[in-house]
PDB file of N, CA and C in Angstrom:
ATOM      1  N   UNK A   1     -20.900  17.514  -4.147  1.00  0.00           N
ATOM      2  CA  UNK A   1     -20.199  17.487  -2.928  1.00  0.00           C
ATOM      3  C   UNK A   1     -18.764  17.567  -2.981  1.00  0.00           C
ATOM      4  N   UNK A   2     -18.218  18.341  -2.091  1.00  0.00           N
ATOM      5  CA  UNK A   2     -16.591  18.319  -2.110  1.00  0.00           C
ATOM      6  C   UNK A   2     -16.211  18.183  -0.717  1.00  0.00           C
ATOM      7  N   UNK A   3     -15.121  17.336  -0.417  1.00  0.00           N
ATOM      8  CA  UNK A   3     -14.342  17.304   0.755  1.00  0.00           C
ATOM      9  C   UNK A   3     -13.899  18.710   0.992  1.00  0.00           C
ATOM     10  N   UNK A   4     -14.246  19.250   2.331  1.00  0.00           N
ATOM     11  CA  UNK A   4     -13.955  20.635   2.710  1.00  0.00           C
ATOM     12  C   UNK A   4     -12.952  21.004   3.922  1.00  0.00           C
ATOM     13  N   UNK A   5     -12.192  21.741   3.864  1.00  0.00           N
ATOM     14  CA  UNK A   5     -11.606  22.319   4.998  1.00  0.00           C
ATOM     15  C   UNK A   5     -10.922  23.534   4.721  1.00  0.00           C
ATOM     16  N   UNK A   6     -11.239  24.644   5.067  1.00  0.00           N
ATOM     17  CA  UNK A   6     -10.741  26.074   4.748  1.00  0.00           C
ATOM     18  C   UNK A   6      -9.773  26.393   6.049  1.00  0.00           C
ATOM     19  N   UNK A   7      -8.592  26.264   5.826  1.00  0.00           N
ATOM     20  CA  UNK A   7      -7.677  26.526   6.968  1.00  0.00           C
ATOM     21  C   UNK A   7      -7.172  27.988   6.883  1.00  0.00           C
ATOM     22  N   UNK A   8      -6.343  28.282   7.896  1.00  0.00           N
ATOM     23  CA  UNK A   8      -5.369  29.555   7.910  1.00  0.00           C
ATOM     24  C   UNK A   8      -4.622  29.811   6.643  1.00  0.00           C
ATOM     25  N   UNK A   9      -4.134  28.859   6.225  1.00  0.00           N
ATOM     26  CA  UNK A   9      -3.127  28.998   4.979  1.00  0.00           C
ATOM     27  C   UNK A   9      -3.363  27.432   4.318  1.00  0.00           C
ATOM     28  N   UNK A  10      -2.728  27.597   3.036  1.00  0.00           N
ATOM     29  CA  UNK A  10      -2.627  26.172   2.463  1.00  0.00           C
ATOM     30  C   UNK A  10      -1.757  25.119   2.907  1.00  0.00           C
ATOM     31  N   UNK A  11      -0.825  25.461   3.606  1.00  0.00           N
ATOM     32  CA  UNK A  11       0.241  24.484   4.051  1.00  0.00           C
ATOM     33  C   UNK A  11      -0.524  23.935   5.389  1.00  0.00           C
ATOM     34  N   UNK A  12      -1.183  24.758   6.244  1.00  0.00           N
ATOM     35  CA  UNK A  12      -1.785  24.369   7.474  1.00  0.00           C
ATOM     36  C   UNK A  12      -2.882  23.305   7.317  1.00  0.00           C
ATOM     37  N   UNK A  13      -3.632  23.876   6.085  1.00  0.00           N
ATOM     38  CA  UNK A  13      -4.705  22.969   5.775  1.00  0.00           C
ATOM     39  C   UNK A  13      -4.410  21.509   5.211  1.00  0.00           C
ATOM     40  N   UNK A  14      -3.593  21.578   4.356  1.00  0.00           N
ATOM     41  CA  UNK A  14      -2.804  20.451   3.809  1.00  0.00           C
ATOM     42  C   UNK A  14      -2.301  19.399   4.979  1.00  0.00           C
ATOM     43  N   UNK A  15      -1.561  20.093   5.905  1.00  0.00           N
ATOM     44  CA  UNK A  15      -0.928  19.383   6.899  1.00  0.00           C
ATOM     45  C   UNK A  15      -2.148  18.650   7.922  1.00  0.00           C
ATOM     46  N   UNK A  16      -3.080  19.507   8.195  1.00  0.00           N
ATOM     47  CA  UNK A  16      -4.090  19.005   9.002  1.00  0.00           C
ATOM     48  C   UNK A  16      -5.020  17.865   8.456  1.00  0.00           C
ATOM     49  N   UNK A  17      -5.298  18.050   7.171  1.00  0.00           N
ATOM     50  CA  UNK A  17      -6.176  16.982   6.391  1.00  0.00           C
ATOM     51  C   UNK A  17      -5.557  15.702   6.248  1.00  0.00           C
ATOM     52  N   UNK A  18      -4.220  15.711   5.786  1.00  0.00           N
ATOM     53  CA  UNK A  18      -3.445  14.658   5.082  1.00  0.00           C
ATOM     54  C   UNK A  18      -3.851  13.303   5.953  1.00  0.00           C
ATOM     55  N   UNK A  19      -3.417  13.097   7.062  1.00  0.00           N
ATOM     56  CA  UNK A  19      -3.731  12.078   7.866  1.00  0.00           C
ATOM     57  C   UNK A  19      -5.296  11.330   7.801  1.00  0.00           C
ATOM     58  N   UNK A  20      -6.162  12.219   8.319  1.00  0.00           N
ATOM     59  CA  UNK A  20      -7.525  11.668   8.309  1.00  0.00           C
ATOM     60  C   UNK A  20      -8.171  11.623   7.050  1.00  0.00           C
ATOM     61  N   UNK A  21      -7.676  12.403   6.015  1.00  0.00           N
ATOM     62  CA  UNK A  21      -8.260  12.126   4.616  1.00  0.00           C
ATOM     63  C   UNK A  21      -7.779  10.885   3.962  1.00  0.00           C
ATOM     64  N   UNK A  22      -6.492  10.589   4.304  1.00  0.00           N
ATOM     65  CA  UNK A  22      -5.709   9.486   3.628  1.00  0.00           C
ATOM     66  C   UNK A  22      -6.392   8.197   4.207  1.00  0.00           C
ATOM     67  N   UNK A  23      -6.572   8.105   5.621  1.00  0.00           N
ATOM     68  CA  UNK A  23      -7.144   7.187   6.359  1.00  0.00           C
ATOM     69  C   UNK A  23      -8.728   6.961   5.845  1.00  0.00           C
ATOM     70  N   UNK A  24      -9.437   7.976   5.634  1.00  0.00           N
ATOM     71  CA  UNK A  24     -10.759   8.019   5.203  1.00  0.00           C
ATOM     72  C   UNK A  24     -10.823   7.072   3.615  1.00  0.00           C
ATOM     73  N   UNK A  25      -9.848   7.497   2.845  1.00  0.00           N
ATOM     74  CA  UNK A  25      -9.613   7.008   1.518  1.00  0.00           C
ATOM     75  C   UNK A  25      -9.473   5.551   1.795  1.00  0.00           C
ATOM     76  N   UNK A  26      -8.242   5.204   2.573  1.00  0.00           N
ATOM     77  CA  UNK A  26      -7.871   3.781   2.591  1.00  0.00           C
ATOM     78  C   UNK A  26      -9.316   2.879   3.077  1.00  0.00           C
ATOM     79  N   UNK A  27      -9.910   3.456   3.971  1.00  0.00           N
ATOM     80  CA  UNK A  27     -11.170   2.767   4.390  1.00  0.00           C
ATOM     81  C   UNK A  27     -12.135   2.710   3.199  1.00  0.00           C
ATOM     82  N   UNK A  28     -12.288   3.682   2.351  1.00  0.00           N
ATOM     83  CA  UNK A  28     -13.376   3.792   1.501  1.00  0.00           C
ATOM     84  C   UNK A  28     -12.745   2.615   0.312  1.00  0.00           C
ATOM     85  N   UNK A  29     -11.406   2.569   0.009  1.00  0.00           N
ATOM     86  CA  UNK A  29     -10.918   1.666  -0.946  1.00  0.00           C
ATOM     87  C   UNK A  29     -11.240   0.108  -0.445  1.00  0.00           C
ATOM     88  N   UNK A  30     -10.950  -0.034   0.603  1.00  0.00           N
ATOM     89  CA  UNK A  30     -11.123  -1.580   1.277  1.00  0.00           C
ATOM     90  C   UNK A  30     -12.794  -1.849   1.220  1.00  0.00           C
ATOM     91  N   UNK A  31     -13.522  -0.838   1.741  1.00  0.00           N
ATOM     92  CA  UNK A  31     -14.876  -1.113   1.588  1.00  0.00           C
ATOM     93  C   UNK A  31     -15.404  -1.607   0.187  1.00  0.00           C
ATOM     94  N   UNK A  32     -14.963  -0.597  -0.719  1.00  0.00           N
ATOM     95  CA  UNK A  32     -15.539  -0.616  -2.175  1.00  0.00           C
ATOM     96  C   UNK A  32     -14.967  -2.105  -2.633  1.00  0.00           C
ATOM     97  N   UNK A  33     -13.816  -2.398  -2.442  1.00  0.00           N
ATOM     98  CA  UNK A  33     -13.114  -3.641  -2.936  1.00  0.00           C
ATOM     99  C   UNK A  33     -14.039  -4.869  -2.305  1.00  0.00           C
ATOM    100  N   UNK A  34     -14.287  -4.873  -0.978  1.00  0.00           N
ATOM    101  CA  UNK A  34     -15.079  -5.846  -0.298  1.00  0.00           C
ATOM    102  C   UNK A  34     -16.554  -5.985  -0.989  1.00  0.00           C
ATOM    103  N   UNK A  35     -17.271  -4.781  -1.158  1.00  0.00           N
ATOM    104  CA  UNK A  35     -18.429  -4.887  -1.812  1.00  0.00           C
ATOM    105  C   UNK A  35     -18.460  -5.403  -3.147  1.00  0.00           C
ATOM    106  N   UNK A  36     -17.322  -5.184  -3.788  1.00  0.00           N
ATOM    107  CA  UNK A  36     -17.387  -5.701  -5.235  1.00  0.00           C
ATOM    108  C   UNK A  36     -16.907  -6.947  -5.272  1.00  0.00           C
ATOM    109  N   UNK A  37     -16.251  -7.632  -4.258  1.00  0.00           N
ATOM    110  CA  UNK A  37     -15.839  -8.962  -4.255  1.00  0.00           C
ATOM    111  C   UNK A  37     -16.940 -10.085  -4.677  1.00  0.00           C
ATOM    112  N   UNK A  38     -16.683 -10.837  -5.581  1.00  0.00           N
ATOM    113  CA  UNK A  38     -17.731 -11.836  -5.911  1.00  0.00           C
ATOM    114  C   UNK A  38     -18.644 -11.174  -6.968  1.00  0.00           C
ATOM    115  N   UNK A  39     -19.108 -10.027  -6.964  1.00  0.00           N
ATOM    116  CA  UNK A  39     -20.064  -9.632  -7.893  1.00  0.00           C
ATOM    117  C   UNK A  39     -19.348  -9.316  -9.254  1.00  0.00           C
ATOM    118  N   UNK A  40     -18.068  -9.133  -9.262  1.00  0.00           N
ATOM    119  CA  UNK A  40     -17.423  -8.949 -10.475  1.00  0.00           C
ATOM    120  C   UNK A  40     -16.332 -10.088 -10.709  1.00  0.00           C
ATOM    121  N   UNK A  41     -16.204 -10.998  -9.754  1.00  0.00           N
ATOM    122  CA  UNK A  41     -15.212 -11.907  -9.884  1.00  0.00           C
ATOM    123  C   UNK A  41     -13.655 -11.373  -9.438  1.00  0.00           C
ATOM    124  N   UNK A  42     -13.820 -10.433  -8.652  1.00  0.00           N
ATOM    125  CA  UNK A  42     -12.557  -9.756  -8.090  1.00  0.00           C
ATOM    126  C   UNK A  42     -12.057 -10.379  -6.998  1.00  0.00           C
ATOM    127  N   UNK A  43     -10.778 -10.505  -6.879  1.00  0.00           N
ATOM    128  CA  UNK A  43     -10.060 -11.267  -5.533  1.00  0.00           C
ATOM    129  C   UNK A  43      -9.730 -10.118  -4.688  1.00  0.00           C
ATOM    130  N   UNK A  44     -10.419  -9.759  -3.464  1.00  0.00           N
ATOM    131  CA  UNK A  44     -10.022  -8.786  -2.516  1.00  0.00           C
ATOM    132  C   UNK A  44      -8.540  -8.994  -1.975  1.00  0.00           C
ATOM    133  N   UNK A  45      -8.314 -10.333  -1.755  1.00  0.00           N
ATOM    134  CA  UNK A  45      -7.047 -10.712  -1.321  1.00  0.00           C
ATOM    135  C   UNK A  45      -5.790 -10.101  -2.116  1.00  0.00           C
ATOM    136  N   UNK A  46      -6.116  -9.890  -3.414  1.00  0.00           N
ATOM    137  CA  UNK A  46      -5.157  -9.492  -4.368  1.00  0.00           C
ATOM    138  C   UNK A  46      -4.813  -8.007  -3.979  1.00  0.00           C
ATOM    139  N   UNK A  47      -5.547  -7.310  -3.383  1.00  0.00           N
ATOM    140  CA  UNK A  47      -5.472  -5.739  -3.207  1.00  0.00           C
ATOM    141  C   UNK A  47      -4.528  -5.747  -1.932  1.00  0.00           C
ATOM    142  N   UNK A  48      -3.149  -5.548  -1.978  1.00  0.00           N
ATOM    143  CA  UNK A  48      -2.207  -5.567  -0.863  1.00  0.00           C
ATOM    144  C   UNK A  48      -2.380  -4.214  -0.151  1.00  0.00           C
ATOM    145  N   UNK A  49      -1.720  -4.064   1.157  1.00  0.00           N
ATOM    146  CA  UNK A  49      -1.805  -2.935   1.806  1.00  0.00           C
ATOM    147  C   UNK A  49      -0.974  -1.834   1.151  1.00  0.00           C
ATOM    148  N   UNK A  50      -0.067  -2.185   0.196  1.00  0.00           N
ATOM    149  CA  UNK A  50       0.778  -1.114  -0.651  1.00  0.00           C
ATOM    150  C   UNK A  50      -0.160  -0.807  -1.705  1.00  0.00           C
ATOM    151  N   UNK A  51      -1.021  -1.638  -2.353  1.00  0.00           N
ATOM    152  CA  UNK A  51      -1.946  -1.247  -3.276  1.00  0.00           C
ATOM    153  C   UNK A  51      -2.960  -0.108  -2.818  1.00  0.00           C
ATOM    154  N   UNK A  52      -3.409  -0.432  -1.549  1.00  0.00           N
ATOM    155  CA  UNK A  52      -4.310   0.391  -0.844  1.00  0.00           C
ATOM    156  C   UNK A  52      -3.703   1.695  -0.617  1.00  0.00           C
ATOM    157  N   UNK A  53      -2.479   1.788  -0.100  1.00  0.00           N
ATOM    158  CA  UNK A  53      -1.718   2.994  -0.020  1.00  0.00           C
ATOM    159  C   UNK A  53      -1.502   3.787  -1.212  1.00  0.00           C
ATOM    160  N   UNK A  54      -1.134   3.278  -2.161  1.00  0.00           N
ATOM    161  CA  UNK A  54      -0.794   3.839  -3.486  1.00  0.00           C
ATOM    162  C   UNK A  54      -2.275   4.545  -3.902  1.00  0.00           C
ATOM    163  N   UNK A  55      -3.392   3.835  -3.871  1.00  0.00           N
ATOM    164  CA  UNK A  55      -4.631   4.358  -4.244  1.00  0.00           C
ATOM    165  C   UNK A  55      -5.058   5.456  -3.338  1.00  0.00           C
ATOM    166  N   UNK A  56      -4.841   5.353  -2.015  1.00  0.00           N
ATOM    167  CA  UNK A  56      -5.233   6.386  -1.170  1.00  0.00           C
ATOM    168  C   UNK A  56      -4.158   7.643  -1.260  1.00  0.00           C
ATOM    169  N   UNK A  57      -2.920   7.497  -1.703  1.00  0.00           N
ATOM    170  CA  UNK A  57      -2.111   8.556  -1.972  1.00  0.00           C
ATOM    171  C   UNK A  57      -2.377   9.274  -3.200  1.00  0.00           C
ATOM    172  N   UNK A  58      -2.776   8.541  -4.181  1.00  0.00           N
ATOM    173  CA  UNK A  58      -3.239   9.060  -5.391  1.00  0.00           C
ATOM    174  C   UNK A  58      -4.524   9.976  -5.297  1.00  0.00           C
ATOM    175  N   UNK A  59      -5.503   9.384  -4.450  1.00  0.00           N
ATOM    176  CA  UNK A  59      -6.866  10.106  -4.140  1.00  0.00           C
ATOM    177  C   UNK A  59      -6.553  11.452  -3.472  1.00  0.00           C
ATOM    178  N   UNK A  60      -5.507  11.354  -2.549  1.00  0.00           N
ATOM    179  CA  UNK A  60      -5.274  12.511  -1.683  1.00  0.00           C
ATOM    180  C   UNK A  60      -4.643  13.558  -2.639  1.00  0.00           C
ATOM    181  N   UNK A  61      -3.694  13.258  -3.480  1.00  0.00           N
ATOM    182  CA  UNK A  61      -2.989  14.062  -4.419  1.00  0.00           C
ATOM    183  C   UNK A  61      -4.061  14.758  -5.373  1.00  0.00           C
ATOM    184  N   UNK A  62      -5.063  13.970  -5.856  1.00  0.00           N
ATOM    185  CA  UNK A  62      -6.040  14.324  -6.788  1.00  0.00           C
ATOM    186  C   UNK A  62      -6.923  15.463  -6.023  1.00  0.00           C
ATOM    187  N   UNK A  63      -7.424  15.048  -4.719  1.00  0.00           N
ATOM    188  CA  UNK A  63      -8.343  16.116  -3.997  1.00  0.00           C
ATOM    189  C   UNK A  63      -7.644  17.381  -3.626  1.00  0.00           C
ATOM    190  N   UNK A  64      -6.362  17.245  -3.375  1.00  0.00           N
ATOM    191  CA  UNK A  64      -5.663  18.321  -3.058  1.00  0.00           C
ATOM    192  C   UNK A  64      -5.320  19.266  -4.189  1.00  0.00           C
ATOM    193  N   UNK A  65      -5.218  18.795  -5.492  1.00  0.00           N
ATOM    194  CA  UNK A  65      -4.926  19.542  -6.599  1.00  0.00           C
ATOM    195  C   UNK A  65      -6.245  20.186  -7.104  1.00  0.00           C
ATOM    196  N   UNK A  66      -7.181  19.381  -7.030  1.00  0.00           N
ATOM    197  CA  UNK A  66      -8.686  20.015  -7.609  1.00  0.00           C
ATOM    198  C   UNK A  66      -9.743  18.998  -7.184  1.00  0.00           C
ATOM    199  N   UNK A  67     -11.005  19.640  -7.157  1.00  0.00           N
ATOM    200  CA  UNK A  67     -12.056  18.847  -6.788  1.00  0.00           C
ATOM    201  C   UNK A  67     -12.376  18.905  -5.308  1.00  0.00           C
ATOM    202  N   UNK A  68     -11.627  19.609  -4.564  1.00  0.00           N
ATOM    203  CA  UNK A  68     -11.948  19.695  -2.950  1.00  0.00           C
ATOM    204  C   UNK A  68     -11.992  21.139  -2.685  1.00  0.00           C
ATOM    205  N   UNK A  69     -12.554  21.502  -1.478  1.00  0.00           N
ATOM    206  CA  UNK A  69     -12.416  22.698  -0.840  1.00  0.00           C
ATOM    207  C   UNK A  69     -11.434  22.660   0.194  1.00  0.00           C
ATOM    208  N   UNK A  70     -10.094  22.345  -0.225  1.00  0.00           N
ATOM    209  CA  UNK A  70      -9.090  22.165   0.812  1.00  0.00           C
ATOM    210  C   UNK A  70      -7.867  23.095   0.688  1.00  0.00           C
ATOM    211  N   UNK A  71      -7.805  23.954   1.636  1.00  0.00           N
ATOM    212  CA  UNK A  71      -6.764  24.998   1.468  1.00  0.00           C
ATOM    213  C   UNK A  71      -7.082  26.225   2.257  1.00  0.00           C
ATOM    214  N   UNK A  72      -6.532  27.406   1.937  1.00  0.00           N
ATOM    215  CA  UNK A  72      -6.669  28.649   2.514  1.00  0.00           C
ATOM    216  C   UNK A  72      -7.967  29.015   1.923  1.00  0.00           C
ATOM    217  N   UNK A  73      -8.516  30.019   2.530  1.00  0.00           N
ATOM    218  CA  UNK A  73      -9.765  30.797   2.078  1.00  0.00           C
ATOM    219  C   UNK A  73      -9.677  31.110   0.607  1.00  0.00           C
ATOM    220  N   UNK A  74      -8.392  31.655   0.322  1.00  0.00           N
ATOM    221  CA  UNK A  74      -8.239  32.184  -1.190  1.00  0.00           C
ATOM    222  C   UNK A  74      -8.335  30.964  -2.071  1.00  0.00           C
ATOM    223  N   UNK A  75      -7.582  29.954  -1.696  1.00  0.00           N
ATOM    224  CA  UNK A  75      -7.622  28.707  -2.449  1.00  0.00           C
ATOM    225  C   UNK A  75      -9.004  28.215  -2.753  1.00  0.00           C
ATOM    226  N   UNK A  76      -9.711  28.189  -1.645  1.00  0.00           N
ATOM    227  CA  UNK A  76     -11.177  27.629  -1.645  1.00  0.00           C
ATOM    228  C   UNK A  76     -12.103  28.535  -2.374  1.00  0.00           C
ATOM    229  N   UNK A  77     -11.745  29.849  -2.283  1.00  0.00           N
ATOM    230  CA  UNK A  77     -12.512  30.770  -3.133  1.00  0.00           C
ATOM    231  C   UNK A  77     -12.325  30.608  -4.683  1.00  0.00           C
ATOM    232  N   UNK A  78     -10.957  30.417  -4.982  1.00  0.00           N
ATOM    233  CA  UNK A  78     -10.755  30.059  -6.405  1.00  0.00           C
ATOM    234  C   UNK A  78     -11.629  28.935  -7.074  1.00  0.00           C
ATOM    235  N   UNK A  79     -11.638  27.833  -6.173  1.00  0.00           N
ATOM    236  CA  UNK A  79     -12.218  26.549  -6.565  1.00  0.00           C
ATOM    237  C   UNK A  79     -13.734  26.950  -6.776  1.00  0.00           C
ATOM    238  N   UNK A  80     -14.332  27.726  -5.783  1.00  0.00           N
ATOM    239  CA  UNK A  80     -15.734  28.039  -5.836  1.00  0.00           C
ATOM    240  C   UNK A  80     -15.933  28.836  -7.105  1.00  0.00           C
ATOM    241  N   UNK A  81     -15.284  29.793  -7.288  1.00  0.00           N
ATOM    242  CA  UNK A  81     -15.221  30.527  -8.742  1.00  0.00           C
ATOM    243  C   UNK A  81     -15.326  29.694  -9.840  1.00  0.00           C
ATOM    244  N   UNK A  82     -14.304  28.895  -9.939  1.00  0.00           N
ATOM    245  CA  UNK A  82     -14.282  27.805 -10.970  1.00  0.00           C
ATOM    246  C   UNK A  82     -15.539  27.014 -11.141  1.00  0.00           C
ATOM    247  N   UNK A  83     -15.915  26.420 -10.016  1.00  0.00           N
ATOM    248  CA  UNK A  83     -17.054  25.776 -10.090  1.00  0.00           C
ATOM    249  C   UNK A  83     -18.387  26.437 -10.486  1.00  0.00           C
ATOM    250  N   UNK A  84     -18.441  27.793 -10.066  1.00  0.00           N
ATOM    251  CA  UNK A  84     -19.648  28.563 -10.500  1.00  0.00           C
ATOM    252  C   UNK A  84     -19.525  28.862 -12.068  1.00  0.00           C
ATOM    253  N   UNK A  85     -18.267  29.070 -12.481  1.00  0.00           N
ATOM    254  CA  UNK A  85     -18.193  29.205 -14.055  1.00  0.00           C
ATOM    255  C   UNK A  85     -18.519  28.083 -14.789  1.00  0.00           C
ATOM    256  N   UNK A  86     -18.410  26.825 -14.237  1.00  0.00           N
ATOM    257  CA  UNK A  86     -18.844  25.555 -14.750  1.00  0.00           C
ATOM    258  C   UNK A  86     -20.379  25.382 -14.806  1.00  0.00           C
ATOM    259  N   UNK A  87     -21.143  26.199 -14.122  1.00  0.00           N
ATOM    260  CA  UNK A  87     -22.596  26.289 -13.971  1.00  0.00           C
ATOM    261  C   UNK A  87     -22.976  25.652 -12.568  1.00  0.00           C
ATOM    262  N   UNK A  88     -22.075  25.402 -11.701  1.00  0.00           N
ATOM    263  CA  UNK A  88     -22.456  24.712 -10.497  1.00  0.00           C
ATOM    264  C   UNK A  88     -23.163  26.005  -9.641  1.00  0.00           C
ATOM    265  N   UNK A  89     -24.304  25.788  -8.852  1.00  0.00           N
ATOM    266  CA  UNK A  89     -24.854  26.893  -8.312  1.00  0.00           C
ATOM    267  C   UNK A  89     -25.012  26.460  -6.849  1.00  0.00           C
ATOM    268  N   UNK A  90     -24.413  25.099  -6.524  1.00  0.00           N
ATOM    269  CA  UNK A  90     -24.661  24.808  -5.123  1.00  0.00           C
ATOM    270  C   UNK A  90     -23.491  23.629  -4.809  1.00  0.00           C
ATOM    271  N   UNK A  91     -22.947  23.897  -3.707  1.00  0.00           N
ATOM    272  CA  UNK A  91     -21.887  22.973  -3.151  1.00  0.00           C
ATOM    273  C   UNK A  91     -21.977  22.623  -1.709  1.00  0.00           C
ATOM    274  N   UNK A  92     -22.237  21.128  -1.663  1.00  0.00           N
ATOM    275  CA  UNK A  92     -22.325  20.538  -0.442  1.00  0.00           C
ATOM    276  C   UNK A  92     -20.992  20.141   0.147  1.00  0.00           C
ATOM    277  N   UNK A  93     -20.709  20.718   1.386  1.00  0.00           N
ATOM    278  CA  UNK A  93     -19.342  20.421   1.962  1.00  0.00           C
ATOM    279  C   UNK A  93     -19.119  19.147   2.849  1.00  0.00           C
ATOM    280  N   UNK A  94     -18.491  18.196   2.465  1.00  0.00           N
ATOM    281  CA  UNK A  94     -18.183  16.993   3.186  1.00  0.00           C
ATOM    282  C   UNK A  94     -17.033  17.345   4.112  1.00  0.00           C
ATOM    283  N   UNK A  95     -17.511  17.280   5.424  1.00  0.00           N
ATOM    284  CA  UNK A  95     -16.468  17.682   6.464  1.00  0.00           C
ATOM    285  C   UNK A  95     -16.213  16.463   7.496  1.00  0.00           C
ATOM    286  N   UNK A  96     -16.914  15.338   7.212  1.00  0.00           N
ATOM    287  CA  UNK A  96     -16.938  14.245   8.300  1.00  0.00           C
ATOM    288  C   UNK A  96     -15.892  13.309   7.826  1.00  0.00           C
ATOM    289  N   UNK A  97     -14.551  13.561   7.776  1.00  0.00           N
ATOM    290  CA  UNK A  97     -13.610  12.651   7.350  1.00  0.00           C
ATOM    291  C   UNK A  97     -12.578  12.373   8.405  1.00  0.00           C
ATOM    292  N   UNK A  98     -12.636  12.901   9.404  1.00  0.00           N
ATOM    293  CA  UNK A  98     -11.929  12.598  10.702  1.00  0.00           C
ATOM    294  C   UNK A  98     -11.308  13.868  11.409  1.00  0.00           C
ATOM    295  N   UNK A  99     -11.600  15.101  10.943  1.00  0.00           N
ATOM    296  CA  UNK A  99     -11.179  16.139  11.714  1.00  0.00           C
ATOM    297  C   UNK A  99     -11.754  16.468  13.127  1.00  0.00           C
ATOM    298  N   UNK A 100     -11.110  17.097  13.953  1.00  0.00           N
ATOM    299  CA  UNK A 100     -11.741  17.346  15.250  1.00  0.00           C
ATOM    300  C   UNK A 100     -12.843  18.519  15.028  1.00  0.00           C
ATOM    301  N   UNK A 101     -13.722  18.477  16.025  1.00  0.00           N
ATOM    302  CA  UNK A 101     -14.771  19.450  16.178  1.00  0.00           C
ATOM    303  C   UNK A 101     -14.359  20.841  15.863  1.00  0.00           C
ATOM    304  N   UNK A 102     -13.372  21.274  16.791  1.00  0.00           N
ATOM    305  CA  UNK A 102     -12.977  22.728  16.631  1.00  0.00           C
ATOM    306  C   UNK A 102     -12.443  23.132  15.318  1.00  0.00           C
ATOM    307  N   UNK A 103     -11.760  22.227  14.792  1.00  0.00           N
ATOM    308  CA  UNK A 103     -11.277  22.385  13.498  1.00  0.00           C
ATOM    309  C   UNK A 103     -12.336  22.523  12.319  1.00  0.00           C
ATOM    310  N   UNK A 104     -13.251  21.657  12.394  1.00  0.00           N
ATOM    311  CA  UNK A 104     -14.448  21.476  11.508  1.00  0.00           C
ATOM    312  C   UNK A 104     -15.282  22.885  11.665  1.00  0.00           C
ATOM    313  N   UNK A 105     -15.572  23.407  12.806  1.00  0.00           N
ATOM    314  CA  UNK A 105     -16.291  24.473  13.016  1.00  0.00           C
ATOM    315  C   UNK A 105     -15.536  25.756  12.583  1.00  0.00           C
ATOM    316  N   UNK A 106     -14.183  25.933  12.793  1.00  0.00           N
ATOM    317  CA  UNK A 106     -13.298  27.137  12.228  1.00  0.00           C
ATOM    318  C   UNK A 106     -13.589  27.020  10.754  1.00  0.00           C
ATOM    319  N   UNK A 107     -13.413  25.909  10.088  1.00  0.00           N
ATOM    320  CA  UNK A 107     -13.513  25.817   8.758  1.00  0.00           C
ATOM    321  C   UNK A 107     -14.915  26.037   8.119  1.00  0.00           C
ATOM    322  N   UNK A 108     -15.925  25.710   8.875  1.00  0.00           N
ATOM    323  CA  UNK A 108     -17.214  26.191   8.328  1.00  0.00           C
ATOM    324  C   UNK A 108     -17.450  27.615   8.418  1.00  0.00           C
ATOM    325  N   UNK A 109     -16.883  28.246   9.398  1.00  0.00           N
ATOM    326  CA  UNK A 109     -17.087  29.727   9.636  1.00  0.00           C
ATOM    327  C   UNK A 109     -16.301  30.494   8.417  1.00  0.00           C
ATOM    328  N   UNK A 110     -15.016  29.853   7.927  1.00  0.00           N
ATOM    329  CA  UNK A 110     -14.449  30.374   6.863  1.00  0.00           C
ATOM    330  C   UNK A 110     -15.272  30.032   5.555  1.00  0.00           C
ATOM    331  N   UNK A 111     -15.737  28.997   5.475  1.00  0.00           N
ATOM    332  CA  UNK A 111     -16.514  28.731   4.242  1.00  0.00           C
ATOM    333  C   UNK A 111     -17.787  29.574   4.323  1.00  0.00           C
ATOM    334  N   UNK A 112     -18.358  29.834   5.194  1.00  0.00           N
ATOM    335  CA  UNK A 112     -19.585  30.632   5.310  1.00  0.00           C
ATOM    336  C   UNK A 112     -19.223  32.160   4.705  1.00  0.00           C
ATOM    337  N   UNK A 113     -18.087  32.541   5.094  1.00  0.00           N
ATOM    338  CA  UNK A 113     -17.762  33.850   4.714  1.00  0.00           C
ATOM    339  C   UNK A 113     -17.466  33.891   3.165  1.00  0.00           C
ATOM    340  N   UNK A 114     -16.990  32.703   2.605  1.00  0.00           N
ATOM    341  CA  UNK A 114     -16.797  32.538   1.167  1.00  0.00           C
ATOM    342  C   UNK A 114     -17.906  32.531   0.502  1.00  0.00           C
ATOM    343  N   UNK A 115     -19.045  31.992   1.142  1.00  0.00           N
ATOM    344  CA  UNK A 115     -20.177  31.718   0.346  1.00  0.00           C
ATOM    345  C   UNK A 115     -20.847  33.091   0.159  1.00  0.00           C
ATOM    346  N   UNK A 116     -20.725  34.113   0.954  1.00  0.00           N
ATOM    347  CA  UNK A 116     -21.073  35.381   0.737  1.00  0.00           C
ATOM    348  C   UNK A 116     -20.356  36.018  -0.575  1.00  0.00           C
ATOM    349  N   UNK A 117     -19.077  35.785  -0.470  1.00  0.00           N
ATOM    350  CA  UNK A 117     -18.224  36.421  -1.593  1.00  0.00           C
ATOM    351  C   UNK A 117     -18.663  35.842  -2.897  1.00  0.00           C
ATOM    352  N   UNK A 118     -18.779  34.574  -3.050  1.00  0.00           N
ATOM    353  CA  UNK A 118     -19.174  34.054  -4.290  1.00  0.00           C
ATOM    354  C   UNK A 118     -20.518  34.291  -4.767  1.00  0.00           C
ATOM    355  N   UNK A 119     -21.501  34.542  -3.843  1.00  0.00           N
ATOM    356  CA  UNK A 119     -22.752  34.947  -4.223  1.00  0.00           C
ATOM    357  C   UNK A 119     -22.940  36.367  -4.646  1.00  0.00           C
ATOM    358  N   UNK A 120     -22.088  37.132  -4.415  1.00  0.00           N
ATOM    359  CA  UNK A 120     -22.101  38.492  -4.828  1.00  0.00           C
ATOM    360  C   UNK A 120     -22.152  38.731  -6.216  1.00  0.00           C
TER     361      UNK A 120
END
């Protein structure tokens, strides 16, 4: 599974996904910390907002660098080819991280076209 948004170009895609994806990561970090509190003796209160921001920034940078389908169609195609070369024959696109419906649908159309290119 990969977070996915195929945009018109890399800059547009990154600009569009940054705020919602970072918010998603912040929520995930808080939920994970809360779920682990007590089970491993960790103190959720020790995780400051700055800590959560730092983790979310790191996650965003990591996913924009590799491990997602975020960018132009060409960037996403490169990632799909790399995944295929690693032996992956299926990719689930995680699109529900805060983008609007129109943006998600436009991206899905671009991704569908890439599917055809990769499977040739």
